[in-house]
N, C-alpha and C. Protein backbone atom coordinates (compact mmCIF):
# COMPACT_ATOMS: atom_id res chain seq x y z
N UNK A 1 98.33 93.35 88.51
CA UNK A 1 99.65 93.08 87.83
C UNK A 1 100.71 92.88 88.98
N UNK A 2 101.26 91.86 89.01
CA UNK A 2 102.39 91.52 89.77
C UNK A 2 103.85 92.28 89.25
N UNK A 3 104.53 92.71 90.18
CA UNK A 3 105.68 93.18 89.87
C UNK A 3 106.95 92.44 90.20
N UNK A 4 107.99 92.46 89.54
CA UNK A 4 109.13 91.57 89.83
C UNK A 4 109.88 92.04 91.21
N UNK A 5 110.25 90.98 91.91
CA UNK A 5 110.83 91.17 93.14
C UNK A 5 112.18 92.05 93.08
N UNK A 6 112.72 92.12 91.88
CA UNK A 6 113.76 92.82 91.70
C UNK A 6 113.64 94.26 91.25
N UNK A 7 112.25 94.69 91.05
CA UNK A 7 111.95 96.04 90.79
C UNK A 7 112.06 96.80 91.74
N UNK A 8 112.64 98.11 91.36
CA UNK A 8 112.68 99.07 92.50
C UNK A 8 111.86 100.44 92.05
N UNK A 9 110.46 100.32 92.37
CA UNK A 9 109.71 101.38 92.03
C UNK A 9 110.18 102.90 92.21
N UNK A 10 110.91 103.02 93.36
CA UNK A 10 111.47 104.34 93.77
C UNK A 10 112.52 105.02 92.63
N UNK A 11 112.99 104.12 91.83
CA UNK A 11 114.07 104.40 90.91
C UNK A 11 113.76 104.30 89.63
N UNK A 12 112.49 103.69 89.26
CA UNK A 12 112.21 103.49 87.89
C UNK A 12 111.50 104.65 87.43
N UNK A 13 111.47 104.87 86.11
CA UNK A 13 110.64 106.00 85.43
C UNK A 13 109.13 105.62 85.40
N UNK A 14 108.28 106.59 85.43
CA UNK A 14 106.89 106.23 85.37
C UNK A 14 106.28 106.82 84.04
N UNK A 15 105.24 106.35 83.66
CA UNK A 15 104.38 106.84 82.58
C UNK A 15 103.68 108.19 82.92
N UNK A 16 103.74 109.05 82.02
CA UNK A 16 103.05 110.37 82.57
C UNK A 16 102.17 110.74 81.39
N UNK A 17 102.23 109.97 80.23
CA UNK A 17 101.14 110.23 79.19
C UNK A 17 101.50 109.23 78.08
N UNK A 18 100.41 109.21 77.18
CA UNK A 18 100.44 108.16 76.08
C UNK A 18 99.69 108.77 74.99
N UNK A 19 100.07 108.15 73.71
CA UNK A 19 99.35 108.34 72.46
C UNK A 19 99.28 107.17 71.75
N UNK A 20 98.33 106.78 71.23
CA UNK A 20 98.12 105.41 70.45
C UNK A 20 97.32 105.75 69.30
N UNK A 21 97.61 104.71 68.27
CA UNK A 21 96.84 104.67 67.13
C UNK A 21 96.89 103.44 66.43
N UNK A 22 96.58 103.11 65.31
CA UNK A 22 96.62 101.81 64.73
C UNK A 22 97.98 101.33 64.26
N UNK A 23 98.86 102.35 64.17
CA UNK A 23 100.18 102.11 63.71
C UNK A 23 101.34 102.12 64.89
N UNK A 24 101.17 102.93 65.97
CA UNK A 24 102.16 103.15 66.92
C UNK A 24 101.58 103.42 68.25
N UNK A 25 102.54 103.00 69.29
CA UNK A 25 102.07 103.45 70.77
C UNK A 25 103.33 104.30 71.03
N UNK A 26 103.05 105.52 71.85
CA UNK A 26 104.07 106.30 72.37
C UNK A 26 103.86 106.56 73.82
N UNK A 27 104.66 106.30 74.72
CA UNK A 27 104.54 106.57 76.09
C UNK A 27 105.46 107.56 76.50
N UNK A 28 105.15 108.58 77.09
CA UNK A 28 105.94 109.52 77.60
C UNK A 28 106.40 109.29 78.94
N UNK A 29 107.60 109.46 79.48
CA UNK A 29 108.09 109.02 80.83
C UNK A 29 108.37 110.21 81.61
N UNK A 30 108.46 109.86 83.03
CA UNK A 30 108.78 111.02 83.89
C UNK A 30 110.04 111.56 83.96
N UNK A 31 110.93 111.05 83.20
CA UNK A 31 112.31 111.64 83.05
C UNK A 31 112.62 112.36 81.67
N UNK A 32 111.45 112.68 80.94
CA UNK A 32 111.41 113.48 79.80
C UNK A 32 111.66 112.56 78.74
N UNK A 33 111.84 111.33 78.60
CA UNK A 33 112.17 110.55 77.39
C UNK A 33 110.77 109.93 77.00
N UNK A 34 110.49 109.50 75.87
CA UNK A 34 109.30 108.74 75.18
C UNK A 34 109.81 107.61 74.75
N UNK A 35 108.87 106.54 74.86
CA UNK A 35 109.10 105.29 74.27
C UNK A 35 108.00 105.18 72.97
N UNK A 36 108.57 104.94 71.77
CA UNK A 36 107.56 104.65 70.70
C UNK A 36 107.84 103.47 70.14
N UNK A 37 106.82 102.66 69.88
CA UNK A 37 107.02 101.45 69.21
C UNK A 37 105.85 101.43 67.93
N UNK A 38 106.26 100.79 67.03
CA UNK A 38 105.44 100.48 65.77
C UNK A 38 104.53 99.11 66.14
N UNK A 39 103.50 99.19 66.32
CA UNK A 39 102.44 98.08 66.80
C UNK A 39 102.63 96.75 65.99
N UNK A 40 102.98 97.06 64.61
CA UNK A 40 103.16 95.90 63.85
C UNK A 40 104.34 95.09 64.04
N UNK A 41 105.43 95.85 64.76
CA UNK A 41 106.66 95.25 64.90
C UNK A 41 106.74 94.39 66.33
N UNK A 42 105.79 94.53 67.23
CA UNK A 42 105.65 93.89 68.40
C UNK A 42 104.51 93.09 68.47
N UNK A 43 104.79 91.65 68.30
CA UNK A 43 103.78 90.71 68.19
C UNK A 43 102.82 90.66 69.48
N UNK A 44 103.30 90.86 70.63
CA UNK A 44 102.47 90.78 71.75
C UNK A 44 101.56 91.83 71.91
N UNK A 45 101.69 92.94 71.19
CA UNK A 45 100.66 94.08 71.09
C UNK A 45 99.73 94.00 70.01
N UNK A 46 99.55 92.87 69.39
CA UNK A 46 98.64 92.65 68.41
C UNK A 46 97.11 93.07 68.95
N UNK A 47 96.92 92.74 70.02
CA UNK A 47 95.47 93.04 70.55
C UNK A 47 95.28 94.50 70.67
N UNK A 48 96.38 95.24 70.74
CA UNK A 48 96.14 96.82 70.68
C UNK A 48 96.02 97.35 69.24
N UNK A 49 96.94 96.77 68.32
CA UNK A 49 96.75 97.11 66.94
C UNK A 49 95.49 96.75 66.16
N UNK A 50 94.74 95.81 66.83
CA UNK A 50 93.53 95.26 66.21
C UNK A 50 92.44 95.85 66.74
N UNK A 51 92.67 96.69 67.94
CA UNK A 51 91.37 97.36 68.56
C UNK A 51 90.93 98.47 67.78
N UNK A 52 89.85 98.79 68.00
CA UNK A 52 89.26 99.96 67.37
C UNK A 52 89.74 101.30 67.74
N UNK A 53 89.69 102.38 66.95
CA UNK A 53 89.98 103.58 67.52
C UNK A 53 89.46 104.21 68.79
N UNK A 54 88.41 103.91 68.99
CA UNK A 54 87.48 103.98 70.12
C UNK A 54 88.10 103.36 71.28
N UNK A 55 88.34 102.08 71.12
CA UNK A 55 88.81 101.26 72.19
C UNK A 55 90.43 101.78 72.69
N UNK A 56 91.18 102.10 71.65
CA UNK A 56 92.48 102.62 71.75
C UNK A 56 92.48 103.82 72.72
N UNK A 57 91.51 104.59 72.43
CA UNK A 57 91.35 105.95 72.96
C UNK A 57 91.11 106.01 74.53
N UNK A 58 90.65 104.89 74.91
CA UNK A 58 90.33 105.00 76.39
C UNK A 58 91.38 104.41 77.30
N UNK A 59 92.48 104.82 77.54
CA UNK A 59 93.53 104.34 78.26
C UNK A 59 93.63 105.15 79.57
N UNK A 60 94.23 104.54 80.45
CA UNK A 60 94.51 105.19 81.81
C UNK A 60 95.99 104.89 82.29
N UNK A 61 96.57 105.70 82.93
CA UNK A 61 97.83 105.24 83.70
C UNK A 61 97.58 104.68 84.91
N UNK A 62 98.19 103.53 85.22
CA UNK A 62 97.95 102.95 86.37
C UNK A 62 98.68 103.64 87.59
N UNK A 63 98.13 103.45 88.67
CA UNK A 63 98.75 104.20 89.98
C UNK A 63 100.23 103.78 90.29
N UNK A 64 100.97 104.83 90.34
CA UNK A 64 102.35 104.74 90.28
C UNK A 64 103.17 104.88 88.97
N UNK A 65 102.28 104.95 87.77
CA UNK A 65 102.66 105.16 86.54
C UNK A 65 103.45 103.90 85.95
N UNK A 66 103.32 102.80 86.45
CA UNK A 66 104.25 101.58 86.04
C UNK A 66 103.47 100.90 84.64
N UNK A 67 102.33 101.40 84.29
CA UNK A 67 101.90 100.68 83.06
C UNK A 67 100.59 101.73 82.60
N UNK A 68 100.24 101.54 81.43
CA UNK A 68 99.15 101.98 80.67
C UNK A 68 97.93 100.83 80.54
N UNK A 69 96.77 101.11 80.93
CA UNK A 69 95.73 100.10 80.79
C UNK A 69 94.60 100.62 80.09
N UNK A 70 94.09 99.62 79.12
CA UNK A 70 92.93 99.93 78.45
C UNK A 70 91.80 99.11 79.06
N UNK A 71 90.88 99.73 79.73
CA UNK A 71 89.65 99.06 80.38
C UNK A 71 88.80 98.32 79.43
N UNK A 72 88.57 99.04 78.33
CA UNK A 72 87.74 98.45 77.31
C UNK A 72 88.20 97.20 76.72
N UNK A 73 89.61 96.93 76.78
CA UNK A 73 90.24 95.88 76.06
C UNK A 73 90.80 94.76 77.17
N UNK A 74 90.71 95.34 78.60
CA UNK A 74 91.08 94.37 79.59
C UNK A 74 92.51 93.97 79.48
N UNK A 75 93.42 95.13 79.19
CA UNK A 75 94.63 94.60 78.90
C UNK A 75 95.60 95.91 79.10
N UNK A 76 96.79 95.77 79.33
CA UNK A 76 97.69 97.00 79.43
C UNK A 76 99.10 96.58 79.11
N UNK A 77 99.97 97.57 79.25
CA UNK A 77 101.49 97.48 78.70
C UNK A 77 102.30 98.12 79.87
N UNK A 78 103.15 97.29 80.53
CA UNK A 78 103.99 97.83 81.66
C UNK A 78 105.18 98.60 80.91
N UNK A 79 105.77 99.86 81.43
CA UNK A 79 106.64 100.56 81.11
C UNK A 79 108.06 99.57 80.98
N UNK A 80 108.26 98.85 81.87
CA UNK A 80 109.42 98.21 81.88
C UNK A 80 109.55 97.17 80.86
N UNK A 81 108.45 96.59 80.27
CA UNK A 81 108.37 95.71 79.21
C UNK A 81 108.80 96.42 77.88
N UNK A 82 108.28 97.73 77.79
CA UNK A 82 108.73 98.36 76.46
C UNK A 82 110.10 98.75 76.55
N UNK A 83 110.65 99.19 77.74
CA UNK A 83 112.00 99.48 77.88
C UNK A 83 113.04 98.53 77.57
N UNK A 84 112.44 97.30 77.77
CA UNK A 84 113.32 95.99 77.61
C UNK A 84 113.42 95.53 76.25
N UNK A 85 112.64 96.15 75.29
CA UNK A 85 112.62 95.92 73.88
C UNK A 85 113.97 95.96 73.11
N UNK A 86 114.38 95.12 72.22
CA UNK A 86 115.45 95.22 71.67
C UNK A 86 115.08 96.02 70.31
N UNK A 87 115.88 97.03 69.96
CA UNK A 87 115.48 97.88 68.74
C UNK A 87 115.35 96.91 67.51
N UNK A 88 114.33 97.11 66.73
CA UNK A 88 114.25 96.59 65.42
C UNK A 88 115.21 97.28 64.46
N UNK A 89 116.09 96.33 63.74
CA UNK A 89 117.17 96.88 62.80
C UNK A 89 116.25 97.26 61.35
């Protein structure tokens, strides 16, 4: 995965844990915060919502903590993309 040239990995938070099911994705961050999204409300996470429980359970934190990756699904989620989401009213 490419990173943005304006990205500053040394000042960005990293993923340190995750929990996912058919309804939501939660990523725990290195600064103590957690990001939680409802998969039904984020269209670009449809692939994760439609995956089996078994597929969703096999995730790994990418080196440097910039993303969570699901090898079985050959896809992942970058922390900065989740942090940039506009809250759903």
